Amino acid sequence: MLQEQRLSPNALQRIGRQVEAMCRQLDEPEAVISEFREEMTGHLIMSVEDLLGAGLPEEDALAKALERFGEPQRVTEELESLYRIRKTYARWLFKTALVFGLLGMLVIGSFFAWNEGLHNIVVKRLNHELFADAAAGKIGAEITPELQASLQAAVDDHLSLRSASAVIRDMKEWVPYTFTYPAQLPIDASGNVQRVDGLLFYTLYTGAMIPVGDQGKALSVTLQQWLFSSGYFMLGAVFLFAYWVLFGAWGILNVYSRRPITVFWALMIILFNALGYYAYLKLRQLSIFRPALAKS
């Protein structure tokens, strides 16, 4: 195992002056300049230590490292160009990625929340009211104006309902619906309102059979509801994929604008996205990883 090389105070001062000469020419926020100062100092120290390990005297190693690094003005111009790229493109990529990510989570979250349960709330409430009315004797042998008004209000007040159909019939015999709201909707061969299947939404039948009186009669109600389709889910997946790609591009560009990035860390950011980028930042802060990251 190689013995760690220690630089003299004079060498560290010369490195500090070189870095400060570049920092004075940077037109960036103080946080950026501070980060730049730390990284460039680390670069130069490790470069000198490598040359010392190769057998050069400290003075020669320091001179060669500074020569490799280049003139402060030229280096600063290159760094300003990289920062300008990050400001112009990386910020736009990051904001766009966040927008797509939020849209994707909203779409997919609403898909599962609605299709897996929320759409049933209206149906359960209406069925509860109808069962209560039947038990109280408010529903007789025909569809009363009050019952019609109740079904109409349910459809009009809830975007989740497309139509409501009802009939009072013998529980063992099927008969066509005598009431359908809205009345102008097309009816299929079975007497139900025709289904509508679209790109983002489709319709689903839900029904209830509510006993009426003691004559073997029942109120048969069928509701047609709107549900999110697989196309809606795929739209959310596209939004999340766009977020994944844009965030990965932002992470790689943001890292590269500060120092070269290895294929390993580029793949980590692409595959694990925010977790990969966070892991890079945390490991970068540990001194044990800095040489490997800086030489990448």
Protein backbone atom coordinates (compact mmCIF):
# COMPACT_ATOMS: atom_id res chain seq x y z
CA MET A 1 0.00 0.00 0.00
CA LEU A 2 1.44 3.37 -1.03
CA GLN A 3 2.29 5.82 1.71
CA GLU A 4 0.16 8.97 1.58
CA GLN A 5 2.11 11.94 0.22
CA ARG A 6 2.06 15.14 2.29
CA LEU A 7 2.51 18.51 0.61
CA SER A 8 4.47 21.30 2.20
CA PRO A 9 2.71 24.50 3.34
CA ASN A 10 4.44 26.35 0.48
CA ALA A 11 3.00 23.94 -2.13
CA LEU A 12 -0.48 24.24 -0.63
CA GLN A 13 -0.22 28.03 -0.70
CA ARG A 14 0.75 28.04 -4.39
CA ILE A 15 -2.15 25.75 -5.19
CA GLY A 16 -4.46 28.03 -3.23
CA ARG A 17 -3.25 31.11 -5.12
CA GLN A 18 -3.77 29.35 -8.47
CA VAL A 19 -7.31 28.37 -7.55
CA GLU A 20 -8.13 31.83 -6.19
CA ALA A 21 -6.91 33.40 -9.44
CA MET A 22 -9.52 31.34 -11.26
CA CYS A 23 -12.23 32.00 -8.69
CA ARG A 24 -11.83 35.78 -9.07
CA GLN A 25 -12.74 35.48 -12.75
CA LEU A 26 -15.87 33.41 -12.18
CA ASP A 27 -19.15 35.28 -12.48
CA GLU A 28 -21.16 32.78 -10.46
CA PRO A 29 -23.03 32.66 -7.12
CA GLU A 30 -20.88 32.27 -4.03
CA ALA A 31 -22.12 28.71 -3.47
CA VAL A 32 -20.92 27.70 -6.94
CA ILE A 33 -17.56 29.43 -6.47
CA SER A 34 -17.08 27.75 -3.09
CA GLU A 35 -17.80 24.35 -4.57
CA PHE A 36 -15.50 25.09 -7.50
CA ARG A 37 -12.72 26.18 -5.11
CA GLU A 38 -12.98 22.95 -3.14
CA GLU A 39 -13.02 20.71 -6.20
CA MET A 40 -10.18 22.43 -8.04
CA THR A 41 -8.02 22.42 -4.93
CA GLY A 42 -8.64 18.71 -4.55
CA HIS A 43 -7.81 18.11 -8.22
CA LEU A 44 -4.47 19.90 -7.97
CA ILE A 45 -3.46 18.30 -4.69
CA MET A 46 -4.17 14.81 -6.01
CA SER A 47 -2.34 15.56 -9.24
CA VAL A 48 0.75 16.69 -7.33
CA GLU A 49 0.56 13.68 -5.02
CA ASP A 50 0.41 11.35 -8.01
CA LEU A 51 3.54 12.94 -9.45
CA LEU A 52 5.26 12.71 -6.08
CA GLY A 53 4.40 9.04 -5.98
CA ALA A 54 6.01 8.67 -9.41
CA GLY A 55 9.31 9.94 -7.96
CA LEU A 56 9.36 13.65 -8.88
CA PRO A 57 10.56 16.23 -6.36
CA GLU A 58 7.81 18.38 -4.91
CA GLU A 59 8.83 21.53 -6.82
CA ASP A 60 8.88 19.71 -10.14
CA ALA A 61 5.63 17.87 -9.35
CA LEU A 62 3.91 21.11 -8.46
CA ALA A 63 5.17 22.90 -11.59
CA LYS A 64 4.08 20.02 -13.82
CA ALA A 65 0.65 19.77 -12.20
CA LEU A 66 0.04 23.52 -12.65
CA GLU A 67 1.25 23.30 -16.23
CA ARG A 68 -1.13 20.45 -16.96
CA PHE A 69 -3.97 22.35 -15.40
CA GLY A 70 -3.45 25.30 -17.74
CA GLU A 71 -3.58 29.06 -17.53
CA PRO A 72 -6.18 30.40 -15.06
CA GLN A 73 -7.91 32.54 -17.69
CA ARG A 74 -8.28 29.69 -20.18
CA VAL A 75 -9.51 27.27 -17.52
CA THR A 76 -11.96 29.84 -16.22
CA GLU A 77 -13.35 30.45 -19.71
CA GLU A 78 -13.90 26.73 -20.20
CA LEU A 79 -15.58 26.42 -16.80
CA GLU A 80 -17.81 29.42 -17.45
CA SER A 81 -18.86 27.78 -20.71
CA LEU A 82 -19.79 24.60 -18.82
CA TYR A 83 -21.71 26.56 -16.18
CA ARG A 84 -23.54 28.44 -18.93
CA ILE A 85 -24.61 25.10 -20.44
CA ARG A 86 -25.83 23.97 -17.05
CA LYS A 87 -27.75 27.18 -16.47
CA THR A 88 -29.35 27.20 -19.90
CA TYR A 89 -30.17 23.54 -20.39
CA ALA A 90 -29.90 21.72 -17.07
CA ARG A 91 -32.36 24.02 -15.31
CA TRP A 92 -34.84 23.62 -18.15
CA LEU A 93 -34.40 19.84 -18.09
CA PHE A 94 -34.92 19.71 -14.34
CA LYS A 95 -38.11 21.79 -14.35
CA THR A 96 -39.55 19.90 -17.31
CA ALA A 97 -38.71 16.57 -15.65
CA LEU A 98 -40.52 17.66 -12.48
CA VAL A 99 -43.61 18.68 -14.46
CA PHE A 100 -43.75 15.34 -16.27
CA GLY A 101 -43.11 13.48 -13.02
CA LEU A 102 -45.94 15.24 -11.21
CA LEU A 103 -48.30 14.69 -14.15
CA GLY A 104 -47.37 11.02 -14.31
CA MET A 105 -47.96 10.46 -10.59
CA LEU A 106 -51.24 12.37 -10.77
CA VAL A 107 -52.53 10.37 -13.75
CA ILE A 108 -51.49 6.94 -12.48
CA GLY A 109 -52.52 7.74 -8.92
CA SER A 110 -55.98 8.86 -10.05
CA PHE A 111 -56.28 5.76 -12.26
CA PHE A 112 -55.80 3.34 -9.38
CA ALA A 113 -57.69 5.43 -6.83
CA TRP A 114 -60.74 5.86 -9.06
CA ASN A 115 -60.88 2.48 -10.78
CA GLU A 116 -60.19 0.55 -7.57
CA GLY A 117 -62.79 2.14 -5.37
CA LEU A 118 -63.70 5.83 -5.48
CA HIS A 119 -66.18 5.36 -8.33
CA ASN A 120 -68.23 3.03 -6.12
CA ILE A 121 -68.95 5.70 -3.50
CA VAL A 122 -71.75 7.30 -5.54
CA VAL A 123 -73.29 3.92 -6.37
CA LYS A 124 -73.22 2.73 -2.76
CA ARG A 125 -74.80 5.97 -1.54
CA LEU A 126 -77.59 5.81 -4.14
CA ASN A 127 -78.28 2.12 -3.48
CA HIS A 128 -78.43 2.81 0.25
CA GLU A 129 -81.02 5.53 -0.34
CA LEU A 130 -83.08 3.27 -2.64
CA PHE A 131 -83.03 0.37 -0.18
CA ALA A 132 -84.12 2.77 2.59
CA ASP A 133 -86.99 4.10 0.45
CA ALA A 134 -88.08 0.55 -0.41
CA ALA A 135 -88.02 -0.44 3.25
CA ALA A 136 -90.08 2.63 4.13
CA GLY A 137 -92.68 1.76 1.51
CA LYS A 138 -91.91 4.74 -0.70
CA ILE A 139 -91.40 2.54 -3.78
CA GLY A 140 -94.46 0.80 -5.12
CA ALA A 141 -95.45 -0.99 -8.31
CA GLU A 142 -94.28 1.74 -10.67
CA ILE A 143 -91.46 4.22 -11.24
CA THR A 144 -92.75 7.29 -9.40
CA PRO A 145 -91.80 10.89 -10.28
CA GLU A 146 -89.89 11.05 -6.98
CA LEU A 147 -87.83 7.98 -7.93
CA GLN A 148 -87.19 9.43 -11.39
CA ALA A 149 -86.07 12.71 -9.84
CA SER A 150 -83.71 10.85 -7.49
CA LEU A 151 -82.05 8.98 -10.39
CA GLN A 152 -81.85 12.12 -12.53
CA ALA A 153 -80.22 14.06 -9.70
CA ALA A 154 -77.64 11.31 -9.22
CA VAL A 155 -76.66 11.45 -12.90
CA ASP A 156 -76.69 15.26 -13.09
CA ASP A 157 -74.76 15.81 -9.85
CA HIS A 158 -71.98 13.27 -10.40
CA LEU A 159 -69.62 13.27 -13.36
CA SER A 160 -68.91 9.60 -12.67
CA LEU A 161 -72.41 8.60 -13.82
CA ARG A 162 -73.36 8.61 -17.48
CA SER A 163 -76.88 7.20 -17.25
CA ALA A 164 -79.43 5.49 -15.00
CA SER A 165 -82.06 2.94 -16.02
CA ALA A 166 -84.82 1.46 -13.85
CA VAL A 167 -87.81 -0.86 -13.98
CA ILE A 168 -90.06 -2.56 -11.42
CA ARG A 169 -90.53 -6.18 -12.43
CA ASP A 170 -91.03 -9.70 -11.25
CA MET A 171 -87.78 -10.86 -9.66
CA LYS A 172 -87.79 -13.99 -11.84
CA GLU A 173 -88.64 -12.31 -15.14
CA TRP A 174 -86.61 -9.88 -17.23
CA VAL A 175 -88.43 -6.96 -18.82
CA PRO A 176 -87.06 -3.89 -20.64
CA TYR A 177 -86.32 -0.79 -18.62
CA THR A 178 -89.27 1.58 -18.45
CA PHE A 179 -87.18 4.58 -17.36
CA THR A 180 -83.84 5.71 -18.76
CA TYR A 181 -82.08 9.00 -18.12
CA PRO A 182 -80.91 10.77 -20.21
CA ALA A 183 -83.62 9.49 -22.53
CA GLN A 184 -81.82 10.44 -25.75
CA LEU A 185 -78.92 8.00 -25.24
CA PRO A 186 -78.86 5.02 -27.65
CA ILE A 187 -80.07 1.66 -26.29
CA ASP A 188 -78.46 -1.68 -27.12
CA ALA A 189 -80.22 -4.98 -27.87
CA SER A 190 -80.43 -5.94 -24.17
CA GLY A 191 -82.15 -2.69 -23.26
CA ASN A 192 -79.13 -1.07 -21.63
CA VAL A 193 -77.65 2.25 -22.62
CA GLN A 194 -74.91 1.53 -25.13
CA ARG A 195 -71.39 1.46 -23.76
CA VAL A 196 -68.89 4.12 -24.78
CA ASP A 197 -65.25 3.07 -25.06
CA GLY A 198 -62.82 5.91 -25.68
CA LEU A 199 -59.08 6.51 -25.59
CA LEU A 200 -58.99 7.74 -21.98
CA PHE A 201 -62.35 6.62 -20.58
CA TYR A 202 -64.80 3.75 -20.89
CA THR A 203 -68.19 2.95 -19.35
CA LEU A 204 -69.08 0.18 -16.90
CA TYR A 205 -72.48 -1.16 -15.82
CA THR A 206 -73.28 -1.49 -12.13
CA GLY A 207 -76.68 -2.52 -10.87
CA ALA A 208 -78.87 -3.37 -7.90
CA MET A 209 -81.97 -5.50 -7.35
CA ILE A 210 -84.08 -4.01 -4.56
CA PRO A 211 -87.10 -6.05 -3.29
CA VAL A 212 -90.35 -4.08 -3.25
CA GLY A 213 -93.27 -5.20 -1.11
CA ASP A 214 -94.23 -8.85 -0.61
CA GLN A 215 -95.47 -9.65 -4.13
CA GLY A 216 -92.16 -10.90 -5.48
CA LYS A 217 -91.48 -7.57 -7.17
CA ALA A 218 -88.17 -5.72 -7.28
CA LEU A 219 -86.77 -2.42 -8.41
CA SER A 220 -83.99 -3.14 -10.91
CA VAL A 221 -81.57 -0.25 -11.34
CA THR A 222 -78.59 -0.14 -13.70
CA LEU A 223 -76.09 2.70 -13.60
CA GLN A 224 -73.52 3.35 -16.28
CA GLN A 225 -70.28 4.81 -14.90
CA TRP A 226 -67.19 6.42 -16.34
CA LEU A 227 -63.88 4.68 -15.60
CA PHE A 228 -60.34 5.45 -16.72
CA SER A 229 -59.17 3.28 -19.60
CA SER A 230 -55.84 1.57 -20.21
CA GLY A 231 -55.04 4.47 -22.55
CA TYR A 232 -55.29 6.84 -19.60
CA PHE A 233 -52.90 4.63 -17.64
CA MET A 234 -50.47 4.54 -20.57
CA LEU A 235 -50.57 8.34 -20.73
CA GLY A 236 -49.40 8.43 -17.12
CA ALA A 237 -46.69 5.89 -17.92
CA VAL A 238 -45.48 8.07 -20.81
CA PHE A 239 -45.30 11.08 -18.48
CA LEU A 240 -43.24 9.09 -15.96
CA PHE A 241 -40.95 7.78 -18.69
CA ALA A 242 -40.39 11.33 -19.92
CA TYR A 243 -39.56 12.36 -16.35
CA TRP A 244 -37.12 9.46 -16.03
CA VAL A 245 -35.29 10.35 -19.23
CA LEU A 246 -35.18 14.10 -18.58
CA PHE A 247 -34.09 13.72 -14.97
CA GLY A 248 -31.36 11.29 -16.02
CA ALA A 249 -30.16 13.76 -18.66
CA TRP A 250 -30.24 16.57 -16.09
CA GLY A 251 -28.32 14.52 -13.53
CA ILE A 252 -25.60 13.56 -15.99
CA LEU A 253 -25.29 17.11 -17.35
CA ASN A 254 -25.24 18.56 -13.86
CA VAL A 255 -22.46 16.21 -12.78
CA TYR A 256 -20.46 16.64 -15.99
CA SER A 257 -20.59 20.42 -15.72
CA ARG A 258 -18.58 20.09 -12.50
CA ARG A 259 -16.24 17.20 -13.40
CA PRO A 260 -16.01 14.36 -15.92
CA ILE A 261 -18.38 11.49 -15.16
CA THR A 262 -17.66 7.79 -15.46
CA VAL A 263 -19.83 5.35 -17.39
CA PHE A 264 -20.64 3.67 -14.07
CA TRP A 265 -22.15 6.80 -12.53
CA ALA A 266 -23.93 7.71 -15.76
CA LEU A 267 -25.60 4.28 -15.72
CA MET A 268 -26.40 4.64 -12.02
CA ILE A 269 -28.19 7.94 -12.67
CA ILE A 270 -30.01 6.54 -15.72
CA LEU A 271 -31.11 3.32 -14.01
CA PHE A 272 -31.83 4.58 -10.49
CA ASN A 273 -32.62 8.19 -11.37
CA ALA A 274 -32.92 10.41 -8.28
CA LEU A 275 -31.52 7.66 -6.03
CA GLY A 276 -28.48 7.26 -8.27
CA TYR A 277 -27.88 11.00 -8.35
CA TYR A 278 -28.29 11.25 -4.58
CA ALA A 279 -25.86 8.36 -4.06
CA TYR A 280 -23.29 10.15 -6.24
CA LEU A 281 -23.59 13.35 -4.22
CA LYS A 282 -23.31 11.56 -0.87
CA LEU A 283 -20.35 9.40 -1.88
CA ARG A 284 -18.63 12.43 -3.34
CA GLN A 285 -18.63 14.01 0.10
CA LEU A 286 -16.68 11.12 1.59
CA SER A 287 -12.92 11.61 1.33
CA ILE A 288 -12.40 7.90 0.72
CA PHE A 289 -14.25 8.18 -2.60
CA ARG A 290 -12.95 11.54 -3.79
CA PRO A 291 -9.86 10.25 -5.61
CA ALA A 292 -11.89 7.76 -7.64
CA LEU A 293 -14.55 10.35 -8.46
CA ALA A 294 -12.10 13.07 -9.33
CA LYS A 295 -10.06 10.85 -11.64
CA SER A 296 -13.14 9.62 -13.46
